[in-house]
Amino acid sequence: KRGEYYIADSIKNDPKLKFKTDGGRVVYGGGGITPDYFIPRD
């Protein structure tokens, strides 16, 4: 309903659950693995 399967900006990660990869990239906890590259459902 939020359109998350089609629009990357619809993914709402909790800013309080921010973590970093070995290389310093930001990733989030609290709701699955957010992909590095979003591909919408066809």
All heavy atoms as atom14 arrays in JSON, in Angstrom:
{
  "sequence": "KRGEYYIADSIKNDPKLKFKTDGGRVVYGGGGITPDYFIPRD",
  "atom14_mask": [
    [1, 1, 1, 1, 1, 1, 1, 1, 1, 0, 0, 0, 0, 0],
    [1, 1, 1, 1, 1, 1, 1, 1, 1, 1, 1, 0, 0, 0],
    [1, 1, 1, 1, 0, 0, 0, 0, 0, 0, 0, 0, 0, 0],
    [1, 1, 1, 1, 1, 1, 1, 1, 1, 0, 0, 0, 0, 0],
    [1, 1, 1, 1, 1, 1, 1, 1, 1, 1, 1, 1, 0, 0],
    [1, 1, 1, 1, 1, 1, 1, 1, 1, 1, 1, 1, 0, 0],
    [1, 1, 1, 1, 1, 1, 1, 1, 0, 0, 0, 0, 0, 0],
    [1, 1, 1, 1, 1, 0, 0, 0, 0, 0, 0, 0, 0, 0],
    [1, 1, 1, 1, 1, 1, 1, 1, 0, 0, 0, 0, 0, 0],
    [1, 1, 1, 1, 1, 1, 0, 0, 0, 0, 0, 0, 0, 0],
    [1, 1, 1, 1, 1, 1, 1, 1, 0, 0, 0, 0, 0, 0],
    [1, 1, 1, 1, 1, 1, 1, 1, 1, 0, 0, 0, 0, 0],
    [1, 1, 1, 1, 1, 1, 1, 1, 0, 0, 0, 0, 0, 0],
    [1, 1, 1, 1, 1, 1, 1, 1, 0, 0, 0, 0, 0, 0],
    [1, 1, 1, 1, 1, 1, 1, 0, 0, 0, 0, 0, 0, 0],
    [1, 1, 1, 1, 1, 1, 1, 1, 1, 0, 0, 0, 0, 0],
    [1, 1, 1, 1, 1, 1, 1, 1, 0, 0, 0, 0, 0, 0],
    [1, 1, 1, 1, 1, 1, 1, 1, 1, 0, 0, 0, 0, 0],
    [1, 1, 1, 1, 1, 1, 1, 1, 1, 1, 1, 0, 0, 0],
    [1, 1, 1, 1, 1, 1, 1, 1, 1, 0, 0, 0, 0, 0],
    [1, 1, 1, 1, 1, 1, 1, 0, 0, 0, 0, 0, 0, 0],
    [1, 1, 1, 1, 1, 1, 1, 1, 0, 0, 0, 0, 0, 0],
    [1, 1, 1, 1, 0, 0, 0, 0, 0, 0, 0, 0, 0, 0],
    [1, 1, 1, 1, 0, 0, 0, 0, 0, 0, 0, 0, 0, 0],
    [1, 1, 1, 1, 1, 1, 1, 1, 1, 1, 1, 0, 0, 0],
    [1, 1, 1, 1, 1, 1, 1, 0, 0, 0, 0, 0, 0, 0],
    [1, 1, 1, 1, 1, 1, 1, 0, 0, 0, 0, 0, 0, 0],
    [1, 1, 1, 1, 1, 1, 1, 1, 1, 1, 1, 1, 0, 0],
    [1, 1, 1, 1, 0, 0, 0, 0, 0, 0, 0, 0, 0, 0],
    [1, 1, 1, 1, 0, 0, 0, 0, 0, 0, 0, 0, 0, 0],
    [1, 1, 1, 1, 0, 0, 0, 0, 0, 0, 0, 0, 0, 0],
    [1, 1, 1, 1, 0, 0, 0, 0, 0, 0, 0, 0, 0, 0],
    [1, 1, 1, 1, 1, 1, 1, 1, 0, 0, 0, 0, 0, 0],
    [1, 1, 1, 1, 1, 1, 1, 0, 0, 0, 0, 0, 0, 0],
    [1, 1, 1, 1, 1, 1, 1, 0, 0, 0, 0, 0, 0, 0],
    [1, 1, 1, 1, 1, 1, 1, 1, 0, 0, 0, 0, 0, 0],
    [1, 1, 1, 1, 1, 1, 1, 1, 1, 1, 1, 1, 0, 0],
    [1, 1, 1, 1, 1, 1, 1, 1, 1, 1, 1, 0, 0, 0],
    [1, 1, 1, 1, 1, 1, 1, 1, 0, 0, 0, 0, 0, 0],
    [1, 1, 1, 1, 1, 1, 1, 0, 0, 0, 0, 0, 0, 0],
    [1, 1, 1, 1, 1, 1, 1, 1, 1, 1, 1, 0, 0, 0],
    [1, 1, 1, 1, 1, 1, 1, 1, 0, 0, 0, 0, 0, 0]
  ],
  "atom14_positions": [
    [[0.82, -1.21, 0.0], [0.0, 0.0, 0.0], [0.86, 1.26, 0.0], [0.47, 2.29, -0.56], [-0.93, 0.0, 1.21], [-2.05, -1.04, 1.12], [-2.95, -0.98, 2.35], [-4.08, -2.0, 2.23], [-4.97, -1.98, 3.43], [0.0, 0.0, 0.0], [0.0, 0.0, 0.0], [0.0, 0.0, 0.0], [0.0, 0.0, 0.0], [0.0, 0.0, 0.0]],
    [[2.03, 1.2, 0.64], [2.93, 2.36, 0.66], [3.69, 2.52, -0.65], [4.39, 3.51, -0.84], [3.95, 2.2, 1.79], [3.39, 2.34, 3.19], [4.51, 2.54, 4.19], [5.45, 1.43, 4.21], [5.39, 0.41, 5.06], [4.4, 0.36, 5.96], [6.27, -0.56, 5.02], [0.0, 0.0, 0.0], [0.0, 0.0, 0.0], [0.0, 0.0, 0.0]],
    [[3.57, 1.54, -1.54], [4.28, 1.62, -2.81], [5.72, 1.17, -2.74], [6.5, 1.43, -3.65], [0.0, 0.0, 0.0], [0.0, 0.0, 0.0], [0.0, 0.0, 0.0], [0.0, 0.0, 0.0], [0.0, 0.0, 0.0], [0.0, 0.0, 0.0], [0.0, 0.0, 0.0], [0.0, 0.0, 0.0], [0.0, 0.0, 0.0], [0.0, 0.0, 0.0]],
    [[6.06, 0.47, -1.65], [7.46, 0.1, -1.44], [7.97, -0.88, -2.48], [9.18, -0.94, -2.73], [7.63, -0.5, -0.04], [9.07, -0.79, 0.32], [9.25, -1.29, 1.74], [8.61, -0.73, 2.65], [10.01, -2.25, 1.92], [0.0, 0.0, 0.0], [0.0, 0.0, 0.0], [0.0, 0.0, 0.0], [0.0, 0.0, 0.0], [0.0, 0.0, 0.0]],
    [[7.11, -1.65, -3.1], [7.56, -2.62, -4.09], [7.93, -1.95, -5.42], [8.52, -2.61, -6.29], [6.48, -3.67, -4.35], [6.14, -4.5, -3.13], [4.86, -5.01, -2.95], [7.08, -4.76, -2.14], [4.53, -5.78, -1.84], [6.77, -5.51, -1.03], [5.49, -6.02, -0.88], [5.18, -6.77, 0.23], [0.0, 0.0, 0.0], [0.0, 0.0, 0.0]],
    [[7.59, -0.68, -5.55], [7.79, 0.0, -6.83], [8.66, 1.25, -6.74], [9.23, 1.67, -7.74], [6.43, 0.38, -7.42], [5.48, -0.79, -7.49], [4.49, -0.97, -6.53], [5.59, -1.75, -8.49], [3.63, -2.06, -6.57], [4.74, -2.85, -8.54], [3.76, -2.99, -7.56], [2.93, -4.08, -7.61], [0.0, 0.0, 0.0], [0.0, 0.0, 0.0]],
    [[8.77, 1.86, -5.55], [9.48, 3.13, -5.4], [10.47, 3.02, -4.25], [10.07, 2.75, -3.11], [8.51, 4.3, -5.15], [7.46, 4.38, -6.26], [9.27, 5.62, -5.04], [6.34, 5.37, -5.98], [0.0, 0.0, 0.0], [0.0, 0.0, 0.0], [0.0, 0.0, 0.0], [0.0, 0.0, 0.0], [0.0, 0.0, 0.0], [0.0, 0.0, 0.0]],
    [[11.74, 3.24, -4.52], [12.77, 3.09, -3.48], [12.55, 4.06, -2.32], [12.79, 3.72, -1.16], [14.15, 3.31, -4.09], [0.0, 0.0, 0.0], [0.0, 0.0, 0.0], [0.0, 0.0, 0.0], [0.0, 0.0, 0.0], [0.0, 0.0, 0.0], [0.0, 0.0, 0.0], [0.0, 0.0, 0.0], [0.0, 0.0, 0.0], [0.0, 0.0, 0.0]],
    [[12.08, 5.27, -2.61], [11.89, 6.27, -1.56], [10.79, 5.89, -0.58], [10.65, 6.51, 0.48], [11.56, 7.64, -2.17], [12.77, 8.25, -2.88], [13.9, 7.87, -2.51], [12.58, 9.08, -3.78], [0.0, 0.0, 0.0], [0.0, 0.0, 0.0], [0.0, 0.0, 0.0], [0.0, 0.0, 0.0], [0.0, 0.0, 0.0], [0.0, 0.0, 0.0]],
    [[10.0, 4.88, -0.92], [8.94, 4.44, -0.01], [9.48, 3.59, 1.15], [8.76, 3.34, 2.12], [7.88, 3.63, -0.77], [7.26, 4.43, -1.76], [0.0, 0.0, 0.0], [0.0, 0.0, 0.0], [0.0, 0.0, 0.0], [0.0, 0.0, 0.0], [0.0, 0.0, 0.0], [0.0, 0.0, 0.0], [0.0, 0.0, 0.0], [0.0, 0.0, 0.0]],
    [[10.73, 3.15, 1.05], [11.34, 2.39, 2.14], [11.69, 3.36, 3.25], [12.5, 4.27, 3.07], [12.6, 1.65, 1.67], [12.27, 0.7, 0.52], [13.24, 0.89, 2.82], [13.48, 0.02, -0.08], [0.0, 0.0, 0.0], [0.0, 0.0, 0.0], [0.0, 0.0, 0.0], [0.0, 0.0, 0.0], [0.0, 0.0, 0.0], [0.0, 0.0, 0.0]],
    [[11.06, 3.21, 4.39], [11.26, 4.11, 5.52], [12.06, 3.4, 6.62], [11.52, 2.64, 7.41], [9.92, 4.59, 6.07], [9.02, 5.27, 5.05], [9.69, 6.5, 4.43], [8.78, 7.18, 3.41], [9.44, 8.33, 2.73], [0.0, 0.0, 0.0], [0.0, 0.0, 0.0], [0.0, 0.0, 0.0], [0.0, 0.0, 0.0], [0.0, 0.0, 0.0]],
    [[13.38, 3.63, 6.64], [14.22, 3.06, 7.66], [14.24, 3.95, 8.9], [14.1, 5.17, 8.81], [15.65, 2.89, 7.13], [15.75, 1.82, 6.06], [15.34, 0.7, 6.27], [16.27, 2.19, 4.9], [0.0, 0.0, 0.0], [0.0, 0.0, 0.0], [0.0, 0.0, 0.0], [0.0, 0.0, 0.0], [0.0, 0.0, 0.0], [0.0, 0.0, 0.0]],
    [[14.41, 3.34, 10.05], [14.46, 4.06, 11.31], [15.84, 4.72, 11.45], [16.86, 4.04, 11.54], [14.23, 3.1, 12.47], [14.09, 3.8, 13.81], [14.5, 4.97, 13.93], [13.57, 3.16, 14.76], [0.0, 0.0, 0.0], [0.0, 0.0, 0.0], [0.0, 0.0, 0.0], [0.0, 0.0, 0.0], [0.0, 0.0, 0.0], [0.0, 0.0, 0.0]],
    [[15.9, 6.06, 11.46], [17.2, 6.74, 11.53], [17.95, 6.45, 12.83], [19.17, 6.67, 12.91], [16.82, 8.22, 11.43], [15.4, 8.29, 11.83], [14.78, 7.0, 11.4], [0.0, 0.0, 0.0], [0.0, 0.0, 0.0], [0.0, 0.0, 0.0], [0.0, 0.0, 0.0], [0.0, 0.0, 0.0], [0.0, 0.0, 0.0], [0.0, 0.0, 0.0]],
    [[17.24, 5.96, 13.85], [17.9, 5.63, 15.11], [18.65, 4.29, 15.03], [19.46, 3.98, 15.91], [16.87, 5.56, 16.24], [16.18, 6.88, 16.53], [15.14, 6.71, 17.63], [14.41, 8.02, 17.9], [13.37, 7.84, 18.95], [0.0, 0.0, 0.0], [0.0, 0.0, 0.0], [0.0, 0.0, 0.0], [0.0, 0.0, 0.0], [0.0, 0.0, 0.0]],
    [[18.34, 3.51, 13.99], [18.96, 2.19, 13.85], [19.94, 2.21, 12.68], [19.89, 1.4, 11.76], [17.88, 1.12, 13.63], [16.86, 0.98, 14.76], [15.79, -0.04, 14.4], [17.55, 0.59, 16.07], [0.0, 0.0, 0.0], [0.0, 0.0, 0.0], [0.0, 0.0, 0.0], [0.0, 0.0, 0.0], [0.0, 0.0, 0.0], [0.0, 0.0, 0.0]],
    [[20.86, 3.17, 12.74], [21.82, 3.37, 11.67], [23.14, 2.68, 12.04], [23.66, 2.85, 13.15], [22.05, 4.86, 11.44], [22.94, 5.19, 10.25], [23.14, 6.69, 10.12], [21.84, 7.4, 9.79], [22.06, 8.84, 9.52], [0.0, 0.0, 0.0], [0.0, 0.0, 0.0], [0.0, 0.0, 0.0], [0.0, 0.0, 0.0], [0.0, 0.0, 0.0]],
    [[23.68, 1.91, 11.11], [24.94, 1.2, 11.32], [25.83, 1.42, 10.1], [25.39, 1.99, 9.1], [24.69, -0.3, 11.53], [23.85, -0.62, 12.74], [22.46, -0.52, 12.68], [24.44, -1.0, 13.92], [21.68, -0.82, 13.79], [23.67, -1.29, 15.04], [22.29, -1.19, 14.97], [0.0, 0.0, 0.0], [0.0, 0.0, 0.0], [0.0, 0.0, 0.0]],
    [[27.09, 0.98, 10.21], [28.01, 1.17, 9.09], [28.69, -0.14, 8.73], [29.01, -0.97, 9.59], [29.05, 2.23, 9.43], [28.48, 3.64, 9.47], [29.58, 4.68, 9.55], [28.99, 6.09, 9.47], [30.05, 7.12, 9.53], [0.0, 0.0, 0.0], [0.0, 0.0, 0.0], [0.0, 0.0, 0.0], [0.0, 0.0, 0.0], [0.0, 0.0, 0.0]],
    [[28.9, -0.32, 7.42], [29.62, -1.49, 6.93], [31.11, -1.29, 7.17], [31.57, -0.23, 7.63], [29.37, -1.68, 5.43], [30.01, -0.61, 4.7], [27.88, -1.67, 5.11], [0.0, 0.0, 0.0], [0.0, 0.0, 0.0], [0.0, 0.0, 0.0], [0.0, 0.0, 0.0], [0.0, 0.0, 0.0], [0.0, 0.0, 0.0], [0.0, 0.0, 0.0]],
    [[31.89, -2.33, 6.85], [33.35, -2.22, 7.01], [33.9, -1.02, 6.27], [34.85, -0.37, 6.73], [34.03, -3.49, 6.48], [33.74, -4.71, 7.34], [33.13, -4.55, 8.42], [34.13, -5.83, 6.93], [0.0, 0.0, 0.0], [0.0, 0.0, 0.0], [0.0, 0.0, 0.0], [0.0, 0.0, 0.0], [0.0, 0.0, 0.0], [0.0, 0.0, 0.0]],
    [[33.31, -0.72, 5.11], [33.79, 0.38, 4.29], [33.18, 1.72, 4.63], [33.44, 2.71, 3.93], [0.0, 0.0, 0.0], [0.0, 0.0, 0.0], [0.0, 0.0, 0.0], [0.0, 0.0, 0.0], [0.0, 0.0, 0.0], [0.0, 0.0, 0.0], [0.0, 0.0, 0.0], [0.0, 0.0, 0.0], [0.0, 0.0, 0.0], [0.0, 0.0, 0.0]],
    [[32.32, 1.77, 5.66], [31.74, 3.03, 6.08], [30.41, 3.37, 5.46], [29.87, 4.47, 5.7], [0.0, 0.0, 0.0], [0.0, 0.0, 0.0], [0.0, 0.0, 0.0], [0.0, 0.0, 0.0], [0.0, 0.0, 0.0], [0.0, 0.0, 0.0], [0.0, 0.0, 0.0], [0.0, 0.0, 0.0], [0.0, 0.0, 0.0], [0.0, 0.0, 0.0]],
    [[29.83, 2.46, 4.68], [28.51, 2.73, 4.1], [27.44, 2.6, 5.17], [27.52, 1.75, 6.06], [28.21, 1.77, 2.95], [29.16, 1.9, 1.78], [28.75, 1.01, 0.61], [28.67, -0.38, 1.01], [27.6, -1.15, 0.84], [26.49, -0.64, 0.31], [27.61, -2.41, 1.21], [0.0, 0.0, 0.0], [0.0, 0.0, 0.0], [0.0, 0.0, 0.0]],
    [[26.41, 3.41, 5.07], [25.32, 3.38, 6.05], [24.33, 2.28, 5.69], [23.87, 2.18, 4.54], [24.59, 4.73, 6.12], [23.37, 4.65, 7.04], [25.54, 5.82, 6.62], [0.0, 0.0, 0.0], [0.0, 0.0, 0.0], [0.0, 0.0, 0.0], [0.0, 0.0, 0.0], [0.0, 0.0, 0.0], [0.0, 0.0, 0.0], [0.0, 0.0, 0.0]],
    [[23.99, 1.46, 6.68], [22.95, 0.44, 6.54], [22.04, 0.55, 7.77], [22.4, 1.18, 8.76], [23.54, -0.98, 6.44], [24.23, -1.18, 5.09], [24.51, -1.26, 7.58], [0.0, 0.0, 0.0], [0.0, 0.0, 0.0], [0.0, 0.0, 0.0], [0.0, 0.0, 0.0], [0.0, 0.0, 0.0], [0.0, 0.0, 0.0], [0.0, 0.0, 0.0]],
    [[20.86, -0.08, 7.69], [19.87, 0.09, 8.74], [19.41, -1.25, 9.3], [19.38, -2.26, 8.61], [18.65, 0.87, 8.21], [18.96, 2.29, 7.84], [19.36, 2.62, 6.54], [18.86, 3.31, 8.79], [19.64, 3.94, 6.2], [19.15, 4.63, 8.45], [19.55, 4.93, 7.15], [19.84, 6.23, 6.83], [0.0, 0.0, 0.0], [0.0, 0.0, 0.0]],
    [[19.05, -1.22, 10.57], [18.45, -2.37, 11.22], [16.97, -2.16, 11.42], [16.39, -1.17, 10.99], [0.0, 0.0, 0.0], [0.0, 0.0, 0.0], [0.0, 0.0, 0.0], [0.0, 0.0, 0.0], [0.0, 0.0, 0.0], [0.0, 0.0, 0.0], [0.0, 0.0, 0.0], [0.0, 0.0, 0.0], [0.0, 0.0, 0.0], [0.0, 0.0, 0.0]],
    [[16.35, -3.15, 12.09], [14.96, -2.97, 12.51], [13.9, -3.3, 11.5], [12.73, -3.0, 11.72], [0.0, 0.0, 0.0], [0.0, 0.0, 0.0], [0.0, 0.0, 0.0], [0.0, 0.0, 0.0], [0.0, 0.0, 0.0], [0.0, 0.0, 0.0], [0.0, 0.0, 0.0], [0.0, 0.0, 0.0], [0.0, 0.0, 0.0], [0.0, 0.0, 0.0]],
    [[14.25, -3.92, 10.37], [13.18, -4.21, 9.41], [13.68, -4.85, 8.14], [13.37, -4.39, 7.04], [0.0, 0.0, 0.0], [0.0, 0.0, 0.0], [0.0, 0.0, 0.0], [0.0, 0.0, 0.0], [0.0, 0.0, 0.0], [0.0, 0.0, 0.0], [0.0, 0.0, 0.0], [0.0, 0.0, 0.0], [0.0, 0.0, 0.0], [0.0, 0.0, 0.0]],
    [[14.48, -5.89, 8.25], [14.96, -6.57, 7.06], [16.23, -5.97, 6.52], [16.8, -5.04, 7.09], [0.0, 0.0, 0.0], [0.0, 0.0, 0.0], [0.0, 0.0, 0.0], [0.0, 0.0, 0.0], [0.0, 0.0, 0.0], [0.0, 0.0, 0.0], [0.0, 0.0, 0.0], [0.0, 0.0, 0.0], [0.0, 0.0, 0.0], [0.0, 0.0, 0.0]],
    [[16.69, -6.53, 5.4], [17.88, -6.03, 4.71], [17.43, -5.1, 3.58], [16.75, -5.52, 2.65], [18.7, -7.2, 4.12], [19.13, -8.18, 5.22], [19.9, -6.67, 3.34], [20.1, -7.63, 6.21], [0.0, 0.0, 0.0], [0.0, 0.0, 0.0], [0.0, 0.0, 0.0], [0.0, 0.0, 0.0], [0.0, 0.0, 0.0], [0.0, 0.0, 0.0]],
    [[17.79, -3.83, 3.68], [17.5, -2.89, 2.61], [18.56, -3.05, 1.53], [19.76, -2.99, 1.83], [17.5, -1.44, 3.11], [16.49, -1.29, 4.11], [17.23, -0.46, 1.98], [0.0, 0.0, 0.0], [0.0, 0.0, 0.0], [0.0, 0.0, 0.0], [0.0, 0.0, 0.0], [0.0, 0.0, 0.0], [0.0, 0.0, 0.0], [0.0, 0.0, 0.0]],
    [[18.17, -3.28, 0.28], [19.17, -3.54, -0.76], [20.04, -2.32, -1.05], [19.62, -1.18, -0.85], [18.32, -3.93, -1.97], [17.0, -3.26, -1.74], [16.8, -3.29, -0.25], [0.0, 0.0, 0.0], [0.0, 0.0, 0.0], [0.0, 0.0, 0.0], [0.0, 0.0, 0.0], [0.0, 0.0, 0.0], [0.0, 0.0, 0.0], [0.0, 0.0, 0.0]],
    [[21.25, -2.59, -1.53], [22.12, -1.5, -1.98], [21.62, -0.91, -3.28], [21.83, 0.27, -3.57], [23.55, -2.03, -2.2], [24.12, -2.68, -0.95], [24.08, -2.05, 0.11], [24.59, -3.83, -1.06], [0.0, 0.0, 0.0], [0.0, 0.0, 0.0], [0.0, 0.0, 0.0], [0.0, 0.0, 0.0], [0.0, 0.0, 0.0], [0.0, 0.0, 0.0]],
    [[20.96, -1.74, -4.08], [20.43, -1.29, -5.35], [19.0, -1.77, -5.46], [18.72, -2.97, -5.46], [21.27, -1.86, -6.51], [20.9, -1.3, -7.86], [21.54, -0.17, -8.37], [19.91, -1.88, -8.64], [21.21, 0.35, -9.61], [19.57, -1.37, -9.88], [20.21, -0.25, -10.36], [19.87, 0.27, -11.58], [0.0, 0.0, 0.0], [0.0, 0.0, 0.0]],
    [[18.08, -0.82, -5.52], [16.65, -1.14, -5.53], [16.17, -1.47, -6.94], [16.43, -0.74, -7.89], [15.85, 0.05, -4.99], [14.36, -0.13, -5.05], [13.7, -0.89, -4.1], [13.6, 0.45, -6.06], [12.33, -1.07, -4.15], [12.23, 0.29, -6.13], [11.59, -0.48, -5.16], [0.0, 0.0, 0.0], [0.0, 0.0, 0.0], [0.0, 0.0, 0.0]],
    [[15.49, -2.6, -7.08], [14.87, -2.99, -8.35], [13.38, -3.16, -8.11], [12.97, -4.05, -7.34], [15.47, -4.3, -8.9], [16.98, -4.16, -9.08], [14.8, -4.66, -10.23], [17.66, -5.44, -9.55], [0.0, 0.0, 0.0], [0.0, 0.0, 0.0], [0.0, 0.0, 0.0], [0.0, 0.0, 0.0], [0.0, 0.0, 0.0], [0.0, 0.0, 0.0]],
    [[12.54, -2.36, -8.71], [11.1, -2.45, -8.45], [10.49, -3.73, -9.0], [11.03, -4.35, -9.93], [10.53, -1.22, -9.16], [11.51, -0.93, -10.25], [12.85, -1.31, -9.7], [0.0, 0.0, 0.0], [0.0, 0.0, 0.0], [0.0, 0.0, 0.0], [0.0, 0.0, 0.0], [0.0, 0.0, 0.0], [0.0, 0.0, 0.0], [0.0, 0.0, 0.0]],
    [[9.38, -4.11, -8.44], [8.64, -5.27, -8.93], [8.03, -4.94, -10.3], [7.47, -3.86, -10.5], [7.53, -5.64, -7.94], [6.65, -6.79, -8.39], [5.48, -6.98, -7.45], [5.88, -7.55, -6.17], [5.04, -7.75, -5.16], [3.76, -7.43, -5.29], [5.47, -8.27, -4.02], [0.0, 0.0, 0.0], [0.0, 0.0, 0.0], [0.0, 0.0, 0.0]],
    [[8.16, -5.86, -11.23], [7.56, -5.68, -12.55], [6.17, -6.31, -12.54], [6.03, -7.52, -12.42], [8.43, -6.34, -13.62], [7.83, -6.21, -15.02], [6.93, -5.36, -15.19], [8.25, -6.96, -15.92], [0.0, 0.0, 0.0], [0.0, 0.0, 0.0], [0.0, 0.0, 0.0], [0.0, 0.0, 0.0], [0.0, 0.0, 0.0], [0.0, 0.0, 0.0]]
  ]
}
